[in-house]
Amino acid sequence: MDLKIEAVHFVVDKKLVTFVEERVHRLEQVFDNIVSGEVFLKLDRTSDKENKIAEIKLSVPGKEMFAKKQCKSFEEATDSCVEALRKQVRRHKEKLVV
């Protein structure tokens, strides 16, 4: 899978990039036909504690899947997005089998 990670309004460190890559690549265990993925990590400028936003877009043949979560940390937001995408990927895979 070709994966692009972009940080908006901040500089991302290598540790966070590695974490995101590991989590997103785990989706290939569910469905190995994922073509590409884009991850956007955004820092919301509010005073709210939950100001870290992760958006993940996956491209599979014939469909694009998207998840967006806002949490206290980028790791938590990424995990939530990956879990939502795991459900979408499973649903898509089941439709292909039928």
C-alpha atoms as a PDB file:
ATOM      1  CA  MET A   1       0.000   0.000   0.000  1.00  0.00           C
ATOM      2  CA  ASP A   2       1.224   3.464  -0.879  1.00  0.00           C
ATOM      3  CA  LEU A   3       0.762   5.680   2.195  1.00  0.00           C
ATOM      4  CA  LYS A   4       1.104   9.467   2.454  1.00  0.00           C
ATOM      5  CA  ILE A   5       1.103  11.242   5.813  1.00  0.00           C
ATOM      6  CA  GLU A   6       0.629  15.000   6.030  1.00  0.00           C
ATOM      7  CA  ALA A   7       0.661  17.220   9.099  1.00  0.00           C
ATOM      8  CA  VAL A   8      -1.369  20.427   9.026  1.00  0.00           C
ATOM      9  CA  HIS A   9      -0.413  23.367  11.300  1.00  0.00           C
ATOM     10  CA  PHE A  10       2.466  21.548  13.013  1.00  0.00           C
ATOM     11  CA  VAL A  11       5.633  19.542  12.393  1.00  0.00           C
ATOM     12  CA  VAL A  12       5.195  15.812  12.913  1.00  0.00           C
ATOM     13  CA  ASP A  13       7.911  13.778  14.629  1.00  0.00           C
ATOM     14  CA  LYS A  14       9.261  10.458  13.353  1.00  0.00           C
ATOM     15  CA  LYS A  15       7.764   8.491  16.264  1.00  0.00           C
ATOM     16  CA  LEU A  16       4.220   9.579  15.377  1.00  0.00           C
ATOM     17  CA  VAL A  17       4.771   8.838  11.676  1.00  0.00           C
ATOM     18  CA  THR A  18       5.970   5.327  12.529  1.00  0.00           C
ATOM     19  CA  PHE A  19       2.952   4.766  14.812  1.00  0.00           C
ATOM     20  CA  VAL A  20       0.491   5.874  12.114  1.00  0.00           C
ATOM     21  CA  GLU A  21       2.188   3.752   9.443  1.00  0.00           C
ATOM     22  CA  GLU A  22       2.044   0.632  11.623  1.00  0.00           C
ATOM     23  CA  ARG A  23      -1.649   1.105  12.441  1.00  0.00           C
ATOM     24  CA  VAL A  24      -2.750   1.805   8.871  1.00  0.00           C
ATOM     25  CA  HIS A  25      -0.697  -1.050   7.412  1.00  0.00           C
ATOM     26  CA  ARG A  26      -2.486  -3.453   9.793  1.00  0.00           C
ATOM     27  CA  LEU A  27      -5.604  -2.923   7.656  1.00  0.00           C
ATOM     28  CA  GLU A  28      -3.871  -4.978   4.952  1.00  0.00           C
ATOM     29  CA  GLN A  29      -4.344  -8.027   7.194  1.00  0.00           C
ATOM     30  CA  VAL A  30      -8.101  -7.601   6.779  1.00  0.00           C
ATOM     31  CA  PHE A  31      -8.061  -6.791   3.035  1.00  0.00           C
ATOM     32  CA  ASP A  32      -4.863  -7.040   1.015  1.00  0.00           C
ATOM     33  CA  ASN A  33      -6.230  -5.190  -2.012  1.00  0.00           C
ATOM     34  CA  ILE A  34      -5.847  -1.652  -0.585  1.00  0.00           C
ATOM     35  CA  VAL A  35      -4.191   0.507  -3.256  1.00  0.00           C
ATOM     36  CA  SER A  36      -3.272   3.647  -1.332  1.00  0.00           C
ATOM     37  CA  GLY A  37      -3.927   5.668   1.779  1.00  0.00           C
ATOM     38  CA  GLU A  38      -3.723   9.297   2.821  1.00  0.00           C
ATOM     39  CA  VAL A  39      -3.466  10.420   6.434  1.00  0.00           C
ATOM     40  CA  PHE A  40      -3.997  14.017   7.503  1.00  0.00           C
ATOM     41  CA  LEU A  41      -3.063  14.974  11.054  1.00  0.00           C
ATOM     42  CA  LYS A  42      -4.503  18.346  12.014  1.00  0.00           C
ATOM     43  CA  LEU A  43      -4.159  20.497  15.084  1.00  0.00           C
ATOM     44  CA  ASP A  44      -7.412  22.324  15.790  1.00  0.00           C
ATOM     45  CA  ARG A  45      -6.846  25.839  17.101  1.00  0.00           C
ATOM     46  CA  THR A  46      -9.475  25.638  19.840  1.00  0.00           C
ATOM     47  CA  SER A  47      -8.831  25.701  23.573  1.00  0.00           C
ATOM     48  CA  ASP A  48     -10.590  22.338  23.846  1.00  0.00           C
ATOM     49  CA  LYS A  49      -8.403  19.464  25.106  1.00  0.00           C
ATOM     50  CA  GLU A  50      -9.627  17.222  22.273  1.00  0.00           C
ATOM     51  CA  ASN A  51      -7.988  19.256  19.529  1.00  0.00           C
ATOM     52  CA  LYS A  52      -6.093  16.530  17.627  1.00  0.00           C
ATOM     53  CA  ILE A  53      -7.773  15.418  14.410  1.00  0.00           C
ATOM     54  CA  ALA A  54      -6.875  12.407  12.275  1.00  0.00           C
ATOM     55  CA  GLU A  55      -8.391  11.869   8.840  1.00  0.00           C
ATOM     56  CA  ILE A  56      -7.646   8.731   6.855  1.00  0.00           C
ATOM     57  CA  LYS A  57      -8.712   8.059   3.286  1.00  0.00           C
ATOM     58  CA  LEU A  58      -8.196   4.609   1.737  1.00  0.00           C
ATOM     59  CA  SER A  59      -8.483   3.733  -1.931  1.00  0.00           C
ATOM     60  CA  VAL A  60      -9.536   0.227  -2.871  1.00  0.00           C
ATOM     61  CA  PRO A  61     -10.525  -0.876  -6.379  1.00  0.00           C
ATOM     62  CA  GLY A  62     -13.908   0.692  -7.132  1.00  0.00           C
ATOM     63  CA  LYS A  63     -14.307   2.544  -3.827  1.00  0.00           C
ATOM     64  CA  GLU A  64     -12.830   5.103  -1.451  1.00  0.00           C
ATOM     65  CA  MET A  65     -13.238   4.874   2.312  1.00  0.00           C
ATOM     66  CA  PHE A  66     -12.879   7.724   4.785  1.00  0.00           C
ATOM     67  CA  ALA A  67     -12.776   8.203   8.546  1.00  0.00           C
ATOM     68  CA  LYS A  68     -12.261  11.307  10.651  1.00  0.00           C
ATOM     69  CA  LYS A  69     -11.866  11.384  14.432  1.00  0.00           C
ATOM     70  CA  GLN A  70     -11.043  14.080  16.975  1.00  0.00           C
ATOM     71  CA  CYS A  71      -9.429  13.064  20.268  1.00  0.00           C
ATOM     72  CA  LYS A  72      -6.976  14.134  22.985  1.00  0.00           C
ATOM     73  CA  SER A  73      -3.972  12.616  21.178  1.00  0.00           C
ATOM     74  CA  PHE A  74      -3.073  11.784  17.604  1.00  0.00           C
ATOM     75  CA  GLU A  75      -2.503   8.162  18.601  1.00  0.00           C
ATOM     76  CA  GLU A  76      -6.022   7.863  20.009  1.00  0.00           C
ATOM     77  CA  ALA A  77      -7.535   9.579  16.959  1.00  0.00           C
ATOM     78  CA  THR A  78      -5.556   7.323  14.600  1.00  0.00           C
ATOM     79  CA  ASP A  79      -6.666   4.177  16.452  1.00  0.00           C
ATOM     80  CA  SER A  80     -10.309   5.288  16.250  1.00  0.00           C
ATOM     81  CA  CYS A  81     -10.015   5.998  12.519  1.00  0.00           C
ATOM     82  CA  VAL A  82      -8.344   2.672  11.815  1.00  0.00           C
ATOM     83  CA  GLU A  83     -11.058   0.836  13.744  1.00  0.00           C
ATOM     84  CA  ALA A  84     -13.796   2.629  11.779  1.00  0.00           C
ATOM     85  CA  LEU A  85     -12.014   1.832   8.519  1.00  0.00           C
ATOM     86  CA  ARG A  86     -11.574  -1.802   9.552  1.00  0.00           C
ATOM     87  CA  LYS A  87     -15.370  -2.082   9.747  1.00  0.00           C
ATOM     88  CA  GLN A  88     -15.781  -0.404   6.355  1.00  0.00           C
ATOM     89  CA  VAL A  89     -13.157  -2.655   4.760  1.00  0.00           C
ATOM     90  CA  ARG A  90     -14.804  -5.802   6.191  1.00  0.00           C
ATOM     91  CA  ARG A  91     -18.202  -4.692   4.869  1.00  0.00           C
ATOM     92  CA  HIS A  92     -16.709  -4.006   1.439  1.00  0.00           C
ATOM     93  CA  LYS A  93     -14.898  -7.361   1.411  1.00  0.00           C
ATOM     94  CA  GLU A  94     -18.105  -9.213   2.321  1.00  0.00           C
ATOM     95  CA  LYS A  95     -19.929  -7.564  -0.593  1.00  0.00           C
ATOM     96  CA  LEU A  96     -17.202  -8.738  -2.976  1.00  0.00           C
ATOM     97  CA  VAL A  97     -17.521 -12.351  -1.825  1.00  0.00           C
ATOM     98  CA  VAL A  98     -21.292 -12.496  -2.369  1.00  0.00           C
END
